[in-house]
N, C-alpha and C. Protein backbone atom coordinates (compact mmCIF):
# COMPACT_ATOMS: atom_id res chain seq x y z
N MET A 1 0.85 -1.18 0.00
CA MET A 1 0.00 0.00 0.00
C MET A 1 0.89 1.23 0.00
N GLU A 2 0.53 2.18 -0.80
CA GLU A 2 1.29 3.41 -0.91
C GLU A 2 0.49 4.57 -0.32
N VAL A 3 1.17 5.46 0.40
CA VAL A 3 0.56 6.67 0.93
C VAL A 3 1.37 7.86 0.43
N PHE A 4 0.84 9.04 0.66
CA PHE A 4 1.44 10.26 0.16
C PHE A 4 1.71 11.20 1.32
N LEU A 5 2.99 11.48 1.55
CA LEU A 5 3.42 12.35 2.64
C LEU A 5 3.53 13.77 2.09
N LEU A 6 2.93 14.71 2.78
CA LEU A 6 2.97 16.11 2.36
C LEU A 6 3.89 16.88 3.27
N TRP A 7 4.85 17.57 2.66
CA TRP A 7 5.86 18.34 3.38
C TRP A 7 5.82 19.79 2.93
N GLN A 8 6.30 20.68 3.82
CA GLN A 8 6.47 22.08 3.47
C GLN A 8 7.79 22.54 4.07
N VAL A 9 8.50 23.38 3.30
CA VAL A 9 9.77 23.92 3.76
C VAL A 9 9.62 25.41 4.00
N ARG A 10 10.00 25.83 5.19
CA ARG A 10 10.11 27.26 5.50
C ARG A 10 11.60 27.55 5.45
N HIS A 11 12.03 28.29 4.44
CA HIS A 11 13.44 28.56 4.23
C HIS A 11 13.95 29.65 5.18
N ALA A 12 15.12 29.42 5.73
CA ALA A 12 15.78 30.43 6.55
C ALA A 12 16.23 31.57 5.64
N ARG A 13 16.20 32.76 6.15
CA ARG A 13 16.67 33.91 5.38
C ARG A 13 18.18 33.99 5.48
N CYS A 14 18.83 34.35 4.39
CA CYS A 14 20.29 34.50 4.37
C CYS A 14 20.67 35.79 5.08
N LEU A 15 21.51 35.68 6.09
CA LEU A 15 21.90 36.85 6.87
C LEU A 15 22.81 37.80 6.09
N ASP A 16 23.47 37.30 5.07
CA ASP A 16 24.38 38.14 4.29
C ASP A 16 23.67 38.87 3.15
N GLY A 17 22.35 38.76 3.09
CA GLY A 17 21.59 39.49 2.08
C GLY A 17 21.38 38.76 0.77
N ARG A 18 22.00 37.57 0.62
CA ARG A 18 21.77 36.80 -0.60
C ARG A 18 20.31 36.40 -0.67
N PRO A 19 19.79 36.27 -1.89
CA PRO A 19 18.41 35.79 -2.00
C PRO A 19 18.31 34.33 -1.55
N THR A 20 17.20 33.99 -0.98
CA THR A 20 16.96 32.62 -0.53
C THR A 20 16.72 31.74 -1.75
N GLN A 21 17.40 30.60 -1.80
CA GLN A 21 17.19 29.66 -2.90
C GLN A 21 16.10 28.68 -2.50
N HIS A 22 15.02 28.68 -3.25
CA HIS A 22 13.91 27.78 -2.98
C HIS A 22 13.98 26.52 -3.85
N ARG A 23 14.43 26.69 -5.08
CA ARG A 23 14.50 25.57 -6.03
C ARG A 23 15.82 25.62 -6.78
N ASP A 24 16.26 24.44 -7.22
CA ASP A 24 17.49 24.36 -7.99
C ASP A 24 17.22 24.63 -9.47
N ASP A 25 18.25 24.51 -10.28
CA ASP A 25 18.11 24.80 -11.71
C ASP A 25 17.11 23.88 -12.41
N ALA A 26 16.91 22.68 -11.86
CA ALA A 26 15.95 21.73 -12.45
C ALA A 26 14.54 21.95 -11.92
N GLY A 27 14.37 22.93 -11.01
CA GLY A 27 13.05 23.21 -10.46
C GLY A 27 12.70 22.39 -9.23
N GLU A 28 13.66 21.59 -8.74
CA GLU A 28 13.42 20.77 -7.55
C GLU A 28 13.57 21.62 -6.29
N LEU A 29 12.69 21.40 -5.34
CA LEU A 29 12.73 22.10 -4.07
C LEU A 29 14.01 21.74 -3.32
N VAL A 30 14.70 22.73 -2.77
CA VAL A 30 15.92 22.49 -2.01
C VAL A 30 15.74 23.00 -0.58
N TRP A 31 16.45 22.35 0.34
CA TRP A 31 16.46 22.80 1.73
C TRP A 31 17.67 22.22 2.42
N ASP A 32 18.04 22.86 3.51
CA ASP A 32 19.16 22.39 4.33
C ASP A 32 18.82 22.73 5.78
N GLU A 33 18.44 21.71 6.52
CA GLU A 33 18.05 21.94 7.91
C GLU A 33 19.21 22.45 8.76
N GLU A 34 20.44 22.10 8.39
CA GLU A 34 21.61 22.60 9.13
C GLU A 34 21.78 24.10 8.94
N ASP A 35 21.28 24.63 7.84
CA ASP A 35 21.33 26.08 7.59
C ASP A 35 20.12 26.80 8.15
N GLY A 36 19.22 26.07 8.82
CA GLY A 36 18.08 26.70 9.46
C GLY A 36 16.76 26.54 8.75
N ASP A 37 16.75 25.84 7.61
CA ASP A 37 15.47 25.60 6.93
C ASP A 37 14.63 24.66 7.79
N ASP A 38 13.34 24.93 7.85
CA ASP A 38 12.41 24.19 8.70
C ASP A 38 11.52 23.31 7.83
N LEU A 39 11.65 22.00 7.97
CA LEU A 39 10.87 21.04 7.20
C LEU A 39 9.74 20.52 8.08
N LYS A 40 8.51 20.66 7.58
CA LYS A 40 7.34 20.23 8.34
C LYS A 40 6.53 19.22 7.54
N MET A 41 6.07 18.15 8.21
CA MET A 41 5.15 17.22 7.57
C MET A 41 3.73 17.69 7.91
N LEU A 42 2.94 17.93 6.88
CA LEU A 42 1.57 18.39 7.09
C LEU A 42 0.59 17.26 7.21
N GLY A 43 0.95 16.08 6.70
CA GLY A 43 0.03 14.97 6.81
C GLY A 43 0.40 13.83 5.91
N VAL A 44 -0.30 12.72 6.12
CA VAL A 44 -0.15 11.51 5.32
C VAL A 44 -1.52 11.23 4.72
N TYR A 45 -1.55 11.07 3.39
CA TYR A 45 -2.82 10.99 2.68
C TYR A 45 -2.92 9.70 1.86
N SER A 46 -4.13 9.27 1.66
CA SER A 46 -4.38 8.03 0.92
C SER A 46 -4.28 8.21 -0.58
N SER A 47 -4.27 9.45 -1.05
CA SER A 47 -4.14 9.69 -2.49
C SER A 47 -3.38 10.99 -2.71
N GLU A 48 -2.78 11.09 -3.88
CA GLU A 48 -2.07 12.31 -4.24
C GLU A 48 -3.05 13.48 -4.35
N ALA A 49 -4.25 13.21 -4.80
CA ALA A 49 -5.27 14.26 -4.93
C ALA A 49 -5.63 14.86 -3.57
N ARG A 50 -5.71 14.02 -2.55
CA ARG A 50 -6.00 14.53 -1.20
C ARG A 50 -4.85 15.39 -0.69
N ALA A 51 -3.62 14.99 -0.97
CA ALA A 51 -2.47 15.78 -0.57
C ALA A 51 -2.47 17.12 -1.31
N GLU A 52 -2.79 17.11 -2.59
CA GLU A 52 -2.86 18.35 -3.37
C GLU A 52 -3.94 19.28 -2.82
N ALA A 53 -5.07 18.71 -2.42
CA ALA A 53 -6.15 19.52 -1.85
C ALA A 53 -5.70 20.18 -0.55
N ARG A 54 -4.92 19.46 0.23
CA ARG A 54 -4.39 20.02 1.49
C ARG A 54 -3.44 21.18 1.20
N ILE A 55 -2.64 21.06 0.14
CA ILE A 55 -1.75 22.17 -0.23
C ILE A 55 -2.58 23.43 -0.50
N GLN A 56 -3.66 23.28 -1.24
CA GLN A 56 -4.50 24.43 -1.56
C GLN A 56 -5.07 25.08 -0.29
N ARG A 57 -5.46 24.27 0.69
CA ARG A 57 -5.98 24.82 1.95
C ARG A 57 -4.85 25.47 2.75
N ALA A 58 -3.68 24.84 2.79
CA ALA A 58 -2.57 25.35 3.59
C ALA A 58 -2.04 26.68 3.04
N ARG A 59 -2.06 26.85 1.74
CA ARG A 59 -1.55 28.09 1.13
C ARG A 59 -2.29 29.34 1.62
N LYS A 60 -3.45 29.18 2.21
CA LYS A 60 -4.23 30.30 2.71
C LYS A 60 -3.92 30.61 4.17
N LEU A 61 -3.11 29.79 4.81
CA LEU A 61 -2.85 29.92 6.25
C LEU A 61 -1.58 30.72 6.53
N PRO A 62 -1.55 31.41 7.69
CA PRO A 62 -0.34 32.15 8.07
C PRO A 62 0.88 31.24 8.07
N GLY A 63 1.98 31.79 7.64
CA GLY A 63 3.22 31.02 7.57
C GLY A 63 3.33 30.29 6.25
N PHE A 64 2.39 29.41 5.98
CA PHE A 64 2.41 28.66 4.72
C PHE A 64 2.23 29.58 3.52
N GLN A 65 1.43 30.63 3.70
CA GLN A 65 1.18 31.54 2.57
C GLN A 65 2.42 32.34 2.20
N ASP A 66 3.41 32.41 3.10
CA ASP A 66 4.65 33.13 2.81
C ASP A 66 5.53 32.38 1.82
N GLU A 67 5.38 31.07 1.72
CA GLU A 67 6.16 30.26 0.79
C GLU A 67 5.21 29.26 0.10
N PRO A 68 4.33 29.79 -0.75
CA PRO A 68 3.27 28.95 -1.33
C PRO A 68 3.76 27.89 -2.32
N ASP A 69 4.99 28.02 -2.78
CA ASP A 69 5.52 27.05 -3.74
C ASP A 69 6.52 26.09 -3.12
N CYS A 70 6.56 26.04 -1.80
CA CYS A 70 7.56 25.21 -1.11
C CYS A 70 6.94 23.99 -0.45
N PHE A 71 5.98 23.39 -1.13
CA PHE A 71 5.36 22.14 -0.71
C PHE A 71 5.86 21.03 -1.60
N PHE A 72 5.94 19.84 -1.05
CA PHE A 72 6.21 18.69 -1.91
C PHE A 72 5.57 17.44 -1.33
N ILE A 73 5.24 16.54 -2.23
CA ILE A 73 4.59 15.28 -1.88
C ILE A 73 5.56 14.15 -2.18
N SER A 74 5.73 13.26 -1.22
CA SER A 74 6.56 12.08 -1.46
C SER A 74 5.72 10.83 -1.25
N ARG A 75 5.95 9.86 -2.09
CA ARG A 75 5.25 8.57 -1.97
C ARG A 75 5.99 7.72 -0.95
N TYR A 76 5.23 6.94 -0.22
CA TYR A 76 5.83 6.10 0.81
C TYR A 76 5.07 4.78 0.87
N THR A 77 5.80 3.69 0.85
CA THR A 77 5.18 2.37 0.93
C THR A 77 5.12 1.95 2.39
N VAL A 78 3.92 1.62 2.86
CA VAL A 78 3.77 1.18 4.26
C VAL A 78 4.25 -0.26 4.40
N ASP A 79 4.61 -0.62 5.62
CA ASP A 79 5.09 -1.96 5.95
C ASP A 79 6.37 -2.33 5.21
N GLN A 80 7.15 -1.35 4.86
CA GLN A 80 8.43 -1.58 4.21
C GLN A 80 9.53 -1.02 5.12
N ASP A 81 10.50 -1.86 5.48
CA ASP A 81 11.58 -1.43 6.36
C ASP A 81 12.40 -0.33 5.72
N GLN A 82 12.85 0.60 6.55
CA GLN A 82 13.77 1.65 6.15
C GLN A 82 15.02 1.54 7.01
N TRP A 83 16.12 2.06 6.55
CA TRP A 83 17.38 2.04 7.29
C TRP A 83 17.73 0.61 7.70
N ASP A 84 17.50 -0.34 6.82
CA ASP A 84 17.69 -1.74 7.16
C ASP A 84 19.15 -2.17 7.25
N ASP A 85 20.08 -1.28 6.89
CA ASP A 85 21.50 -1.55 7.07
C ASP A 85 22.08 -0.76 8.23
N GLY A 86 21.24 -0.07 9.02
CA GLY A 86 21.72 0.77 10.11
C GLY A 86 22.23 2.09 9.58
N PHE A 87 23.04 2.77 10.39
CA PHE A 87 23.61 4.04 9.96
C PHE A 87 24.87 4.31 10.76
N VAL A 88 25.65 5.24 10.29
CA VAL A 88 26.89 5.65 10.95
C VAL A 88 26.77 7.12 11.28
N TYR A 89 27.12 7.50 12.47
CA TYR A 89 27.08 8.89 12.90
C TYR A 89 28.46 9.50 12.72
N LEU A 90 28.53 10.59 11.98
CA LEU A 90 29.79 11.30 11.76
C LEU A 90 29.63 12.70 12.34
N PRO A 91 30.20 12.95 13.53
CA PRO A 91 30.04 14.30 14.11
C PRO A 91 30.78 15.35 13.28
N ARG A 92 30.23 16.55 13.26
CA ARG A 92 30.90 17.66 12.60
C ARG A 92 32.10 18.06 13.44
N ASP A 93 33.01 18.82 12.85
CA ASP A 93 34.22 19.25 13.55
C ASP A 93 33.91 20.04 14.80
N ASP A 94 32.80 20.79 14.80
CA ASP A 94 32.47 21.64 15.95
C ASP A 94 31.58 20.94 16.98
N GLN A 95 31.40 19.63 16.85
CA GLN A 95 30.58 18.87 17.78
C GLN A 95 31.43 17.85 18.52
N ALA A 96 31.13 17.67 19.80
CA ALA A 96 31.79 16.64 20.59
C ALA A 96 31.15 15.29 20.28
N ASP A 97 31.85 14.23 20.54
CA ASP A 97 31.32 12.87 20.31
C ASP A 97 30.15 12.57 21.20
């Protein structure tokens, strides 16, 4: 069974005055949580159409209306394992172990 996860990105403003990059050259939404971008899941829907309808409703709400083109829908298969090989943590230079 497949479901549709709806996400929205609130991009952090660049302190040096550069314009905020919302999409790459291919038109794909970009974000970097380490740079302060805020990724929010708005819901999980049974169809892509329901997720699209939620985008239309959310675009009218405070906060979401500031970045009306920063929504994306991802497909997700239920009952399917993720991270089945584990993971490795690599601390950044400015972080303690």
